[in-house]
N, C-alpha and C. Protein backbone atom coordinates (compact mmCIF):
# COMPACT_ATOMS: atom_id res chain seq x y z
N MET A 1 209.82 232.51 155.62
CA MET A 1 210.64 231.00 156.16
C MET A 1 210.32 229.91 155.59
N GLY A 2 209.37 230.51 153.80
CA GLY A 2 209.47 229.23 153.03
C GLY A 2 210.11 228.95 152.52
N LYS A 3 211.06 229.96 152.52
CA LYS A 3 212.55 229.48 151.76
C LYS A 3 213.51 228.84 152.26
N TYR A 4 213.51 228.51 153.58
CA TYR A 4 214.16 227.91 154.45
C TYR A 4 213.39 227.16 155.51
N PRO A 5 212.75 226.03 155.09
CA PRO A 5 211.85 225.24 156.09
C PRO A 5 212.30 224.21 156.84
N LYS A 6 213.41 223.92 156.73
CA LYS A 6 214.37 222.65 157.85
C LYS A 6 215.56 223.45 158.45
N MET A 7 215.35 224.79 158.02
CA MET A 7 216.17 225.88 158.99
C MET A 7 215.21 226.18 160.21
N PHE A 8 214.10 226.52 160.28
CA PHE A 8 213.00 226.73 160.97
C PHE A 8 212.42 225.67 161.76
N ARG A 9 212.32 224.59 161.00
CA ARG A 9 211.83 222.92 161.96
C ARG A 9 212.90 222.59 162.78
N THR A 10 214.57 223.15 162.19
CA THR A 10 215.31 221.98 163.35
C THR A 10 215.87 223.12 164.47
N SER A 11 215.78 224.26 164.19
CA SER A 11 216.27 225.62 165.00
C SER A 11 215.76 225.25 166.62
N GLN A 12 216.69 225.48 167.36
CA GLN A 12 216.38 225.93 168.78
C GLN A 12 215.61 227.04 168.89
N LEU A 13 216.39 228.32 168.41
CA LEU A 13 216.22 229.67 168.77
C LEU A 13 216.35 230.35 167.38
N MET A 14 215.22 231.35 167.29
CA MET A 14 215.15 232.38 166.22
C MET A 14 215.87 233.82 166.83
N LEU A 15 216.82 234.32 166.23
CA LEU A 15 217.37 235.41 166.74
C LEU A 15 217.29 236.68 165.90
N VAL A 16 216.25 237.48 166.11
CA VAL A 16 215.65 239.13 165.53
C VAL A 16 216.77 239.90 165.81
N THR A 17 217.63 240.75 165.02
CA THR A 17 218.61 241.70 165.35
C THR A 17 218.33 242.90 165.10
N LYS A 18 219.12 243.75 165.54
CA LYS A 18 218.45 244.98 165.01
C LYS A 18 218.05 245.86 165.65
N LEU A 19 217.42 245.59 166.34
CA LEU A 19 215.65 246.10 167.19
C LEU A 19 215.54 247.46 167.38
N ASP A 20 216.91 248.06 167.22
CA ASP A 20 217.04 249.63 167.57
C ASP A 20 216.98 250.30 165.81
N LEU A 21 216.82 249.37 164.85
CA LEU A 21 216.51 249.94 163.78
C LEU A 21 215.18 250.03 163.15
N LEU A 22 214.02 249.22 163.58
CA LEU A 22 212.62 249.18 163.33
C LEU A 22 211.90 250.22 163.49
N PRO A 23 212.36 251.30 164.19
CA PRO A 23 211.44 252.58 163.74
C PRO A 23 211.72 253.23 162.08
N HIS A 24 212.98 252.81 161.85
CA HIS A 24 213.49 252.97 160.35
C HIS A 24 213.15 252.56 159.01
N VAL A 25 212.42 251.03 159.29
CA VAL A 25 212.52 250.31 158.43
C VAL A 25 211.17 249.53 158.45
N PRO A 26 210.82 249.33 157.20
CA PRO A 26 209.30 248.98 156.98
C PRO A 26 209.44 247.01 157.53
N PHE A 27 209.29 247.05 158.53
CA PHE A 27 209.45 245.42 159.04
C PHE A 27 208.19 245.33 160.46
N ARG A 28 207.53 244.72 160.07
CA ARG A 28 206.30 244.57 161.28
C ARG A 28 206.95 243.32 162.11
N ILE A 29 207.30 243.81 163.24
CA ILE A 29 207.61 242.64 164.31
C ILE A 29 206.49 241.90 164.66
N GLU A 30 205.47 242.52 165.09
CA GLU A 30 204.18 241.35 165.47
C GLU A 30 203.86 240.51 164.30
N ALA A 31 203.95 240.95 163.08
CA ALA A 31 203.38 240.00 161.71
C ALA A 31 204.69 239.03 162.06
N PHE A 32 205.47 239.29 161.89
CA PHE A 32 206.73 238.60 161.97
C PHE A 32 206.55 237.40 162.79
N ARG A 33 206.58 238.11 164.43
CA ARG A 33 206.35 236.72 165.47
C ARG A 33 205.16 235.92 165.02
N ARG A 34 204.03 236.65 164.70
CA ARG A 34 202.27 235.97 164.45
C ARG A 34 202.99 234.63 163.37
N ASP A 35 203.96 235.06 162.16
CA ASP A 35 204.00 234.03 161.04
C ASP A 35 204.57 232.57 161.70
N VAL A 36 205.64 233.41 162.75
CA VAL A 36 206.77 232.41 163.20
C VAL A 36 206.11 231.32 164.12
N ARG A 37 204.85 231.77 164.65
CA ARG A 37 204.50 230.96 165.40
C ARG A 37 203.06 230.24 164.86
N ALA A 38 202.74 231.01 163.77
CA ALA A 38 201.86 229.83 162.65
C ALA A 38 203.06 228.59 162.11
N MET A 39 203.78 228.78 162.21
CA MET A 39 204.72 227.66 161.58
C MET A 39 205.02 226.83 162.37
N ARG A 40 205.43 227.53 164.00
CA ARG A 40 206.23 226.59 164.88
C ARG A 40 205.70 227.41 166.33
N GLU A 41 205.17 226.60 166.78
CA GLU A 41 204.52 227.51 168.17
C GLU A 41 205.47 227.38 169.40
N ASP A 42 206.68 226.45 169.31
CA ASP A 42 207.25 226.09 170.50
C ASP A 42 209.15 226.99 170.09
N LEU A 43 209.43 227.39 168.70
CA LEU A 43 210.54 228.23 168.77
C LEU A 43 210.55 229.38 169.47
N ARG A 44 211.54 229.57 170.49
CA ARG A 44 211.97 230.56 171.11
C ARG A 44 212.18 231.50 170.06
N ILE A 45 212.13 233.09 170.37
CA ILE A 45 212.52 233.76 169.33
C ILE A 45 213.09 234.90 170.23
N LEU A 46 214.50 235.09 170.33
CA LEU A 46 214.96 236.17 170.87
C LEU A 46 215.24 237.54 170.10
N GLU A 47 214.51 238.53 170.73
CA GLU A 47 215.36 239.59 170.07
C GLU A 47 216.23 240.54 170.65
N LEU A 48 217.31 241.14 169.67
CA LEU A 48 218.47 241.65 170.31
C LEU A 48 218.72 243.34 169.60
N SER A 49 219.57 244.27 170.43
CA SER A 49 219.87 245.05 170.10
C SER A 49 221.64 245.07 170.17
N ALA A 50 222.60 245.29 169.83
CA ALA A 50 223.77 245.86 170.35
C ALA A 50 223.70 247.04 170.75
N VAL A 51 223.18 248.15 170.18
CA VAL A 51 222.81 249.45 170.82
C VAL A 51 222.79 249.49 172.25
N THR A 52 221.56 249.07 172.33
CA THR A 52 220.53 249.72 173.49
C THR A 52 220.76 248.39 174.53
N GLY A 53 221.25 247.01 174.01
CA GLY A 53 221.81 246.20 174.98
C GLY A 53 220.13 245.17 174.95
N GLU A 54 219.30 245.48 174.86
CA GLU A 54 218.11 244.28 174.39
C GLU A 54 218.26 243.05 173.97
N GLY A 55 218.00 241.97 175.02
CA GLY A 55 218.09 241.16 174.73
C GLY A 55 219.31 240.34 175.12
N MET A 56 220.46 240.90 174.89
CA MET A 56 221.77 240.50 174.98
C MET A 56 222.22 239.70 176.33
N GLU A 57 221.55 240.12 177.30
CA GLU A 57 221.81 238.94 178.50
C GLU A 57 221.09 237.29 178.41
N GLU A 58 219.63 237.07 177.86
CA GLU A 58 219.51 236.25 177.23
C GLU A 58 219.81 235.49 176.59
N TRP A 59 220.72 236.16 175.27
CA TRP A 59 221.50 235.15 174.36
C TRP A 59 222.62 234.94 174.92
N LEU A 60 223.67 235.68 175.63
CA LEU A 60 224.53 235.16 176.44
C LEU A 60 224.38 233.83 176.57
N ALA A 61 223.43 233.95 177.80
CA ALA A 61 222.84 232.59 178.57
C ALA A 61 222.09 231.59 178.16
N PHE A 62 221.94 231.83 176.81
CA PHE A 62 221.72 230.67 175.52
C PHE A 62 223.29 230.51 175.14
N LEU A 63 223.62 230.94 175.05
CA LEU A 63 225.08 230.36 174.40
C LEU A 63 226.11 229.49 175.39
N ARG A 64 225.84 230.28 176.85
CA ARG A 64 226.47 229.65 177.66
C ARG A 64 225.96 228.48 178.29
N GLY A 65 224.82 228.08 178.13
CA GLY A 65 224.24 226.66 177.79
C GLY A 65 224.25 225.83 177.08
N LEU A 66 224.74 226.32 176.16
CA LEU A 66 224.78 225.05 175.01
C LEU A 66 226.51 224.93 175.59
N VAL A 67 227.62 225.84 175.83
CA VAL A 67 228.85 225.48 176.04
C VAL A 67 228.81 224.31 177.30
N ALA A 68 228.11 224.98 177.85
CA ALA A 68 228.29 224.11 179.46
C ALA A 68 227.26 222.43 178.99
N ARG A 69 226.79 222.18 178.19
CA ARG A 69 226.05 220.94 177.73
C ARG A 69 227.10 220.32 177.16
N SER A 70 227.95 221.02 176.25
CA SER A 70 229.02 220.76 175.11
C SER A 70 230.01 220.24 176.30
N GLY A 71 229.93 220.36 177.30
CA GLY A 71 231.33 220.11 177.98
C GLY A 71 232.63 221.06 178.05
N GLY A 72 232.12 222.19 177.89
CA GLY A 72 233.23 222.72 176.90
C GLY A 72 234.23 222.24 175.42
N THR A 73 233.59 221.99 174.48
CA THR A 73 234.15 220.81 174.05
C THR A 73 233.57 221.89 172.44
N GLY A 74 232.98 222.55 172.36
CA GLY A 74 232.18 222.70 171.03
C GLY A 74 231.35 222.03 170.93
N SER A 75 230.86 220.91 171.04
CA SER A 75 230.02 219.78 170.44
C SER A 75 229.04 219.50 171.50
N CYS A 76 227.68 219.23 170.88
CA CYS A 76 226.80 219.11 171.76
C CYS A 76 226.80 217.66 172.13
N ARG A 77 226.72 217.37 173.30
CA ARG A 77 226.75 216.24 174.09
C ARG A 77 225.44 215.32 173.26
N SER A 78 224.23 216.10 173.57
CA SER A 78 223.02 215.14 173.04
C SER A 78 222.81 214.92 171.52
N THR A 79 224.01 215.67 170.70
CA THR A 79 223.28 215.37 169.13
C THR A 79 224.47 215.48 168.60
N GLY A 80 225.81 215.75 169.30
CA GLY A 80 227.01 215.34 168.66
C GLY A 80 227.31 216.71 167.69
N GLU A 81 226.44 217.20 167.40
CA GLU A 81 226.74 218.73 166.81
C GLU A 81 227.73 219.46 166.95
N ARG A 82 228.58 219.98 166.07
CA ARG A 82 229.28 221.19 166.28
C ARG A 82 228.78 222.27 166.31
N MET A 83 229.02 223.23 167.53
CA MET A 83 228.66 224.52 167.68
C MET A 83 229.51 225.53 166.84
């Protein structure tokens, strides 16, 4: 996270993908969550697996919310940023 500090300071959400691979790779999700919380307590972490479907409904709901706030234009009304 030290490599991209602005990205983590300004993000609304952090996606962790490929959860189905966790048993096969040397990645400690608990340590990752702890490190994220140490840097930014309020950052929402969403964990996804396309294989199992875990987290997909929440991810889609987040995206739908962005589209709704943009008025369907692809720009966020509150910030003017493009999606």
